[in-house]
């Protein structure tokens, strides 16, 4: 399958034309307008520092339906003990920077390059990108970020500095989305870590059909809060935000 070179206009070829590996197009920019067009079509950017912008739409697609989340007994125990305080949209820039830093340390490189950080911070400022933070003793211990459109949350990345921190943040996010009647979380590519939470692969055609239906719902723009603006843990214990 050919890989398409994008023009200056924020348009993409149909995602069904992606290569067997999921690569669809190359080039373009990371403007908010182009990014939103991409996500609404089931396309996302993923590339390294030495590469041009690459756009992907893999088949199959890994998704998590909030009602299907599986939480291990050990994680349930950690949540009940309240080891972490959980907030939303309190430290978006710190979360995305930590995600990039952790990947550089672990993989000697990252797709969360400076221009990606700038682009997603712009989406956060517009009320469309969100972060979930897990804190311990006032320290940012882990977190994750992604984009919300309609009834879909597009997960981007997560990081952990203290064991289980990002897992607790993820559970809090899923429970929050379930409460908001979100249809699914787009996990993009398959990982065993997310499959242990109950994520599963579905054909791209099914994902695109569900995406279209879910995007017909209004988008909840603006800053997100857990527990009516106060920090909480997924077990509903009310805490004081750091």
C-alpha atoms as a PDB file:
ATOM      1  CA  UNK A   1       0.000   0.000   0.000  1.00  0.00           C
ATOM      2  CA  UNK A   2       1.266   3.519  -0.754  1.00  0.00           C
ATOM      3  CA  UNK A   3       2.106   5.993   1.998  1.00  0.00           C
ATOM      4  CA  UNK A   4       0.523   9.362   1.264  1.00  0.00           C
ATOM      5  CA  UNK A   5       2.360  12.695   1.410  1.00  0.00           C
ATOM      6  CA  UNK A   6       0.168  15.291   3.089  1.00  0.00           C
ATOM      7  CA  UNK A   7      -0.388  18.778   1.710  1.00  0.00           C
ATOM      8  CA  UNK A   8      -0.680  22.006   3.702  1.00  0.00           C
ATOM      9  CA  UNK A   9      -4.446  21.464   3.961  1.00  0.00           C
ATOM     10  CA  UNK A  10      -5.574  19.500   7.055  1.00  0.00           C
ATOM     11  CA  UNK A  11      -6.973  16.564   5.102  1.00  0.00           C
ATOM     12  CA  UNK A  12      -6.134  12.856   5.169  1.00  0.00           C
ATOM     13  CA  UNK A  13      -6.745   9.881   2.904  1.00  0.00           C
ATOM     14  CA  UNK A  14      -9.248   7.316   4.193  1.00  0.00           C
ATOM     15  CA  UNK A  15      -7.739   5.317   7.083  1.00  0.00           C
ATOM     16  CA  UNK A  16      -8.644   2.075   5.312  1.00  0.00           C
ATOM     17  CA  UNK A  17      -5.768   2.833   2.908  1.00  0.00           C
ATOM     18  CA  UNK A  18      -3.127   2.447   5.625  1.00  0.00           C
ATOM     19  CA  UNK A  19      -0.347  -0.069   5.122  1.00  0.00           C
ATOM     20  CA  UNK A  20      -0.398  -3.493   6.742  1.00  0.00           C
ATOM     21  CA  UNK A  21       1.598  -1.992   9.633  1.00  0.00           C
ATOM     22  CA  UNK A  22      -0.913   0.844   9.988  1.00  0.00           C
ATOM     23  CA  UNK A  23       1.135   3.659   8.428  1.00  0.00           C
ATOM     24  CA  UNK A  24      -1.106   5.940   6.384  1.00  0.00           C
ATOM     25  CA  UNK A  25       0.591   9.260   5.646  1.00  0.00           C
ATOM     26  CA  UNK A  26       3.678  11.373   6.138  1.00  0.00           C
ATOM     27  CA  UNK A  27       4.235  15.104   6.582  1.00  0.00           C
ATOM     28  CA  UNK A  28       1.856  17.903   7.442  1.00  0.00           C
ATOM     29  CA  UNK A  29       1.977  19.615  10.818  1.00  0.00           C
ATOM     30  CA  UNK A  30       0.664  19.284  14.361  1.00  0.00           C
ATOM     31  CA  UNK A  31      -1.723  22.204  14.313  1.00  0.00           C
ATOM     32  CA  UNK A  32      -4.803  21.768  16.529  1.00  0.00           C
ATOM     33  CA  UNK A  33      -7.017  21.766  13.447  1.00  0.00           C
ATOM     34  CA  UNK A  34      -5.095  18.942  11.757  1.00  0.00           C
ATOM     35  CA  UNK A  35      -4.842  16.903  14.947  1.00  0.00           C
ATOM     36  CA  UNK A  36      -8.583  17.090  15.548  1.00  0.00           C
ATOM     37  CA  UNK A  37      -9.323  16.086  11.957  1.00  0.00           C
ATOM     38  CA  UNK A  38      -6.975  13.141  12.394  1.00  0.00           C
ATOM     39  CA  UNK A  39      -8.460  11.886  15.654  1.00  0.00           C
ATOM     40  CA  UNK A  40     -11.979  12.168  14.311  1.00  0.00           C
ATOM     41  CA  UNK A  41     -10.906   9.904  11.435  1.00  0.00           C
ATOM     42  CA  UNK A  42      -9.209   7.360  13.691  1.00  0.00           C
ATOM     43  CA  UNK A  43      -5.703   8.568  12.808  1.00  0.00           C
ATOM     44  CA  UNK A  44      -2.909   9.616  15.184  1.00  0.00           C
ATOM     45  CA  UNK A  45       0.701  10.871  14.892  1.00  0.00           C
ATOM     46  CA  UNK A  46       3.579   8.688  16.065  1.00  0.00           C
ATOM     47  CA  UNK A  47       7.176   9.268  15.090  1.00  0.00           C
ATOM     48  CA  UNK A  48      10.697   9.683  16.465  1.00  0.00           C
ATOM     49  CA  UNK A  49      12.895  12.761  16.767  1.00  0.00           C
ATOM     50  CA  UNK A  50      14.853  12.017  13.580  1.00  0.00           C
ATOM     51  CA  UNK A  51      11.739  11.321  11.478  1.00  0.00           C
ATOM     52  CA  UNK A  52       9.126  13.442   9.714  1.00  0.00           C
ATOM     53  CA  UNK A  53       5.602  13.340  11.137  1.00  0.00           C
ATOM     54  CA  UNK A  54       4.084   9.901  10.549  1.00  0.00           C
ATOM     55  CA  UNK A  55       0.337   9.253  10.764  1.00  0.00           C
ATOM     56  CA  UNK A  56      -1.120   5.865  11.688  1.00  0.00           C
ATOM     57  CA  UNK A  57      -4.396   3.940  11.710  1.00  0.00           C
ATOM     58  CA  UNK A  58      -3.612   0.368  12.804  1.00  0.00           C
ATOM     59  CA  UNK A  59      -5.732  -2.694  12.201  1.00  0.00           C
ATOM     60  CA  UNK A  60      -6.681  -4.197  14.610  1.00  0.00           C
ATOM     61  CA  UNK A  61      -7.196  -1.388  17.105  1.00  0.00           C
ATOM     62  CA  UNK A  62      -6.826  -1.774  20.858  1.00  0.00           C
ATOM     63  CA  UNK A  63      -9.748  -0.313  22.815  1.00  0.00           C
ATOM     64  CA  UNK A  64     -11.074  -0.474  26.349  1.00  0.00           C
ATOM     65  CA  UNK A  65     -14.773  -0.244  27.073  1.00  0.00           C
ATOM     66  CA  UNK A  66     -14.983   1.427  30.507  1.00  0.00           C
ATOM     67  CA  UNK A  67     -17.501  -1.068  31.868  1.00  0.00           C
ATOM     68  CA  UNK A  68     -15.121  -3.939  31.012  1.00  0.00           C
ATOM     69  CA  UNK A  69     -12.156  -2.757  33.085  1.00  0.00           C
ATOM     70  CA  UNK A  70     -10.432  -5.470  35.103  1.00  0.00           C
ATOM     71  CA  UNK A  71      -8.657  -4.455  38.306  1.00  0.00           C
ATOM     72  CA  UNK A  72      -6.351  -6.968  39.964  1.00  0.00           C
ATOM     73  CA  UNK A  73      -6.820  -7.756  43.649  1.00  0.00           C
ATOM     74  CA  UNK A  74      -3.438  -6.266  44.488  1.00  0.00           C
ATOM     75  CA  UNK A  75      -4.317  -3.012  42.729  1.00  0.00           C
ATOM     76  CA  UNK A  76      -7.713  -2.928  44.416  1.00  0.00           C
ATOM     77  CA  UNK A  77      -5.900  -3.224  47.732  1.00  0.00           C
ATOM     78  CA  UNK A  78      -3.566  -0.352  46.825  1.00  0.00           C
ATOM     79  CA  UNK A  79      -6.538   1.798  45.853  1.00  0.00           C
ATOM     80  CA  UNK A  80      -8.419   1.040  49.080  1.00  0.00           C
ATOM     81  CA  UNK A  81      -5.388   1.978  51.172  1.00  0.00           C
ATOM     82  CA  UNK A  82      -5.338   5.419  49.558  1.00  0.00           C
ATOM     83  CA  UNK A  83      -1.591   5.514  48.900  1.00  0.00           C
ATOM     84  CA  UNK A  84      -2.079   8.093  46.143  1.00  0.00           C
ATOM     85  CA  UNK A  85      -4.039  11.286  45.693  1.00  0.00           C
ATOM     86  CA  UNK A  86      -5.577  11.554  42.239  1.00  0.00           C
ATOM     87  CA  UNK A  87      -6.382  14.790  40.396  1.00  0.00           C
ATOM     88  CA  UNK A  88      -7.282  15.776  36.856  1.00  0.00           C
ATOM     89  CA  UNK A  89      -5.899  18.628  34.776  1.00  0.00           C
ATOM     90  CA  UNK A  90      -3.772  19.906  37.656  1.00  0.00           C
ATOM     91  CA  UNK A  91      -0.379  19.404  35.973  1.00  0.00           C
ATOM     92  CA  UNK A  92      -0.846  18.646  32.274  1.00  0.00           C
ATOM     93  CA  UNK A  93       2.501  20.060  31.129  1.00  0.00           C
ATOM     94  CA  UNK A  94       4.365  18.212  33.868  1.00  0.00           C
ATOM     95  CA  UNK A  95       2.635  14.939  32.987  1.00  0.00           C
ATOM     96  CA  UNK A  96       3.446  15.082  29.283  1.00  0.00           C
ATOM     97  CA  UNK A  97       7.029  16.164  30.030  1.00  0.00           C
ATOM     98  CA  UNK A  98       7.432  13.258  32.458  1.00  0.00           C
ATOM     99  CA  UNK A  99       6.025  10.833  29.877  1.00  0.00           C
ATOM    100  CA  UNK A 100       8.661  12.028  27.408  1.00  0.00           C
ATOM    101  CA  UNK A 101      11.428  11.847  30.005  1.00  0.00           C
ATOM    102  CA  UNK A 102      10.563   8.338  31.128  1.00  0.00           C
ATOM    103  CA  UNK A 103      10.488   7.049  27.556  1.00  0.00           C
ATOM    104  CA  UNK A 104      13.861   8.646  26.824  1.00  0.00           C
ATOM    105  CA  UNK A 105      15.356   6.978  29.887  1.00  0.00           C
ATOM    106  CA  UNK A 106      13.806   3.602  29.120  1.00  0.00           C
ATOM    107  CA  UNK A 107      13.959   3.439  25.322  1.00  0.00           C
ATOM    108  CA  UNK A 108      16.768   5.934  24.588  1.00  0.00           C
ATOM    109  CA  UNK A 109      14.263   7.915  22.555  1.00  0.00           C
ATOM    110  CA  UNK A 110      10.623   9.025  22.441  1.00  0.00           C
ATOM    111  CA  UNK A 111       7.850  10.035  20.056  1.00  0.00           C
ATOM    112  CA  UNK A 112       6.871  12.770  22.516  1.00  0.00           C
ATOM    113  CA  UNK A 113       9.198  15.303  20.925  1.00  0.00           C
ATOM    114  CA  UNK A 114       9.134  19.012  21.711  1.00  0.00           C
ATOM    115  CA  UNK A 115       6.697  19.846  18.917  1.00  0.00           C
ATOM    116  CA  UNK A 116       4.331  17.127  20.161  1.00  0.00           C
ATOM    117  CA  UNK A 117       4.460  18.581  23.670  1.00  0.00           C
ATOM    118  CA  UNK A 118       3.672  22.046  22.334  1.00  0.00           C
ATOM    119  CA  UNK A 119       0.806  20.728  20.193  1.00  0.00           C
ATOM    120  CA  UNK A 120      -0.907  18.804  22.985  1.00  0.00           C
ATOM    121  CA  UNK A 121      -0.461  21.649  25.453  1.00  0.00           C
ATOM    122  CA  UNK A 122      -2.372  23.801  22.969  1.00  0.00           C
ATOM    123  CA  UNK A 123      -5.171  21.235  22.916  1.00  0.00           C
ATOM    124  CA  UNK A 124      -5.156  21.203  26.706  1.00  0.00           C
ATOM    125  CA  UNK A 125      -5.467  24.993  26.757  1.00  0.00           C
ATOM    126  CA  UNK A 126      -8.495  24.672  24.477  1.00  0.00           C
ATOM    127  CA  UNK A 127     -10.126  22.200  26.883  1.00  0.00           C
ATOM    128  CA  UNK A 128      -9.757  19.096  24.711  1.00  0.00           C
ATOM    129  CA  UNK A 129      -6.663  17.379  26.123  1.00  0.00           C
ATOM    130  CA  UNK A 130      -6.656  16.166  29.705  1.00  0.00           C
ATOM    131  CA  UNK A 131      -4.296  14.711  32.269  1.00  0.00           C
ATOM    132  CA  UNK A 132      -4.750  12.518  35.315  1.00  0.00           C
ATOM    133  CA  UNK A 133      -2.162  12.859  38.075  1.00  0.00           C
ATOM    134  CA  UNK A 134      -1.288  10.532  40.947  1.00  0.00           C
ATOM    135  CA  UNK A 135       0.478  12.229  43.865  1.00  0.00           C
ATOM    136  CA  UNK A 136       2.264  10.881  46.906  1.00  0.00           C
ATOM    137  CA  UNK A 137       3.397  13.180  49.706  1.00  0.00           C
ATOM    138  CA  UNK A 138       3.045  16.149  47.362  1.00  0.00           C
ATOM    139  CA  UNK A 139       5.222  14.528  44.693  1.00  0.00           C
ATOM    140  CA  UNK A 140       3.976  13.752  41.195  1.00  0.00           C
ATOM    141  CA  UNK A 141       4.279   9.969  41.239  1.00  0.00           C
ATOM    142  CA  UNK A 142       2.628   9.061  37.943  1.00  0.00           C
ATOM    143  CA  UNK A 143       0.015  10.062  35.438  1.00  0.00           C
ATOM    144  CA  UNK A 144      -1.359   9.937  31.936  1.00  0.00           C
ATOM    145  CA  UNK A 145      -2.813  12.207  29.276  1.00  0.00           C
ATOM    146  CA  UNK A 146      -5.018  12.060  26.206  1.00  0.00           C
ATOM    147  CA  UNK A 147      -7.702  13.781  24.147  1.00  0.00           C
ATOM    148  CA  UNK A 148     -11.462  13.750  24.668  1.00  0.00           C
ATOM    149  CA  UNK A 149     -13.909  14.105  21.771  1.00  0.00           C
ATOM    150  CA  UNK A 150     -17.557  13.154  21.919  1.00  0.00           C
ATOM    151  CA  UNK A 151     -17.810  10.017  24.057  1.00  0.00           C
ATOM    152  CA  UNK A 152     -14.286   8.814  23.228  1.00  0.00           C
ATOM    153  CA  UNK A 153     -11.072   9.292  25.162  1.00  0.00           C
ATOM    154  CA  UNK A 154      -7.944   8.881  23.040  1.00  0.00           C
ATOM    155  CA  UNK A 155      -5.173   7.742  25.368  1.00  0.00           C
ATOM    156  CA  UNK A 156      -1.690   8.944  24.496  1.00  0.00           C
ATOM    157  CA  UNK A 157       0.863   8.002  27.139  1.00  0.00           C
ATOM    158  CA  UNK A 158       1.427   7.349  30.832  1.00  0.00           C
ATOM    159  CA  UNK A 159       4.369   7.309  33.221  1.00  0.00           C
ATOM    160  CA  UNK A 160       5.204   5.993  36.677  1.00  0.00           C
ATOM    161  CA  UNK A 161       7.819   7.147  39.157  1.00  0.00           C
ATOM    162  CA  UNK A 162       6.399   5.125  42.061  1.00  0.00           C
ATOM    163  CA  UNK A 163       5.030   1.611  41.649  1.00  0.00           C
ATOM    164  CA  UNK A 164       1.303   1.492  40.784  1.00  0.00           C
ATOM    165  CA  UNK A 165       0.940   5.294  40.478  1.00  0.00           C
ATOM    166  CA  UNK A 166      -0.045   5.308  36.802  1.00  0.00           C
ATOM    167  CA  UNK A 167      -2.287   2.276  37.332  1.00  0.00           C
ATOM    168  CA  UNK A 168      -4.227   4.100  40.046  1.00  0.00           C
ATOM    169  CA  UNK A 169      -4.501   7.150  37.787  1.00  0.00           C
ATOM    170  CA  UNK A 170      -5.742   4.964  34.930  1.00  0.00           C
ATOM    171  CA  UNK A 171      -8.419   3.314  37.051  1.00  0.00           C
ATOM    172  CA  UNK A 172      -9.566   6.749  38.217  1.00  0.00           C
ATOM    173  CA  UNK A 173      -9.813   7.891  34.598  1.00  0.00           C
ATOM    174  CA  UNK A 174     -11.801   4.840  33.517  1.00  0.00           C
ATOM    175  CA  UNK A 175     -14.242   5.188  36.421  1.00  0.00           C
ATOM    176  CA  UNK A 176     -14.610   8.891  35.640  1.00  0.00           C
ATOM    177  CA  UNK A 177     -15.352   8.180  31.977  1.00  0.00           C
ATOM    178  CA  UNK A 178     -17.792   5.435  32.890  1.00  0.00           C
ATOM    179  CA  UNK A 179     -19.650   7.931  35.061  1.00  0.00           C
ATOM    180  CA  UNK A 180     -19.820  10.288  32.081  1.00  0.00           C
ATOM    181  CA  UNK A 181     -21.234   7.495  29.857  1.00  0.00           C
ATOM    182  CA  UNK A 182     -18.193   7.423  27.582  1.00  0.00           C
ATOM    183  CA  UNK A 183     -18.302   4.598  25.045  1.00  0.00           C
ATOM    184  CA  UNK A 184     -14.651   3.666  24.779  1.00  0.00           C
ATOM    185  CA  UNK A 185     -11.015   4.496  25.372  1.00  0.00           C
ATOM    186  CA  UNK A 186      -8.819   4.327  22.282  1.00  0.00           C
ATOM    187  CA  UNK A 187      -5.597   2.614  23.364  1.00  0.00           C
ATOM    188  CA  UNK A 188      -4.234   2.792  19.788  1.00  0.00           C
ATOM    189  CA  UNK A 189      -1.698  -0.042  19.697  1.00  0.00           C
ATOM    190  CA  UNK A 190      -1.693  -3.359  21.538  1.00  0.00           C
ATOM    191  CA  UNK A 191       0.229  -3.725  24.794  1.00  0.00           C
ATOM    192  CA  UNK A 192       0.018  -6.551  27.325  1.00  0.00           C
ATOM    193  CA  UNK A 193      -0.159  -3.941  30.094  1.00  0.00           C
ATOM    194  CA  UNK A 194      -3.456  -2.523  28.825  1.00  0.00           C
ATOM    195  CA  UNK A 195      -4.862  -5.926  27.912  1.00  0.00           C
ATOM    196  CA  UNK A 196      -4.481  -6.939  31.559  1.00  0.00           C
ATOM    197  CA  UNK A 197      -6.869  -4.068  32.325  1.00  0.00           C
ATOM    198  CA  UNK A 198      -9.430  -5.550  29.940  1.00  0.00           C
ATOM    199  CA  UNK A 199      -8.542  -3.771  26.714  1.00  0.00           C
ATOM    200  CA  UNK A 200      -9.119  -5.830  23.568  1.00  0.00           C
ATOM    201  CA  UNK A 201      -8.431  -5.697  19.882  1.00  0.00           C
ATOM    202  CA  UNK A 202     -11.229  -4.965  17.440  1.00  0.00           C
ATOM    203  CA  UNK A 203     -11.108  -4.674  13.629  1.00  0.00           C
ATOM    204  CA  UNK A 204     -10.424  -1.176  12.351  1.00  0.00           C
ATOM    205  CA  UNK A 205     -13.733  -1.105  10.478  1.00  0.00           C
ATOM    206  CA  UNK A 206     -15.573  -1.766  13.742  1.00  0.00           C
ATOM    207  CA  UNK A 207     -13.540   0.896  15.538  1.00  0.00           C
ATOM    208  CA  UNK A 208     -14.262   3.479  12.838  1.00  0.00           C
ATOM    209  CA  UNK A 209     -17.970   2.686  12.947  1.00  0.00           C
ATOM    210  CA  UNK A 210     -18.094   3.050  16.724  1.00  0.00           C
ATOM    211  CA  UNK A 211     -15.968   6.177  16.539  1.00  0.00           C
ATOM    212  CA  UNK A 212     -18.417   7.849  14.165  1.00  0.00           C
ATOM    213  CA  UNK A 213     -21.341   7.060  16.466  1.00  0.00           C
ATOM    214  CA  UNK A 214     -19.523   8.249  19.591  1.00  0.00           C
ATOM    215  CA  UNK A 215     -18.360  11.496  18.003  1.00  0.00           C
ATOM    216  CA  UNK A 216     -21.972  12.457  17.357  1.00  0.00           C
ATOM    217  CA  UNK A 217     -22.259  13.245  21.072  1.00  0.00           C
ATOM    218  CA  UNK A 218     -21.267  16.696  22.400  1.00  0.00           C
ATOM    219  CA  UNK A 219     -17.672  17.145  23.538  1.00  0.00           C
ATOM    220  CA  UNK A 220     -17.118  18.075  27.188  1.00  0.00           C
ATOM    221  CA  UNK A 221     -14.661  20.945  26.848  1.00  0.00           C
ATOM    222  CA  UNK A 222     -12.847  22.652  29.666  1.00  0.00           C
ATOM    223  CA  UNK A 223     -11.034  21.585  32.811  1.00  0.00           C
ATOM    224  CA  UNK A 224     -11.948  18.199  34.251  1.00  0.00           C
ATOM    225  CA  UNK A 225     -12.270  17.449  37.962  1.00  0.00           C
ATOM    226  CA  UNK A 226     -12.635  14.346  40.069  1.00  0.00           C
ATOM    227  CA  UNK A 227     -15.098  14.374  42.956  1.00  0.00           C
ATOM    228  CA  UNK A 228     -16.597  17.774  42.209  1.00  0.00           C
ATOM    229  CA  UNK A 229     -13.244  19.541  42.009  1.00  0.00           C
ATOM    230  CA  UNK A 230     -11.564  17.899  44.996  1.00  0.00           C
ATOM    231  CA  UNK A 231      -8.894  15.279  44.620  1.00  0.00           C
ATOM    232  CA  UNK A 232     -10.173  11.770  45.193  1.00  0.00           C
ATOM    233  CA  UNK A 233      -8.965   8.227  44.856  1.00  0.00           C
ATOM    234  CA  UNK A 234     -10.874   5.639  42.792  1.00  0.00           C
ATOM    235  CA  UNK A 235     -12.344   4.213  45.994  1.00  0.00           C
ATOM    236  CA  UNK A 236     -14.225   7.509  46.493  1.00  0.00           C
ATOM    237  CA  UNK A 237     -12.302   8.566  49.596  1.00  0.00           C
ATOM    238  CA  UNK A 238     -12.261  12.342  49.585  1.00  0.00           C
ATOM    239  CA  UNK A 239      -8.811  13.848  49.887  1.00  0.00           C
ATOM    240  CA  UNK A 240      -7.196  17.245  49.879  1.00  0.00           C
ATOM    241  CA  UNK A 241      -5.546  18.022  46.551  1.00  0.00           C
ATOM    242  CA  UNK A 242      -1.807  18.757  46.622  1.00  0.00           C
END
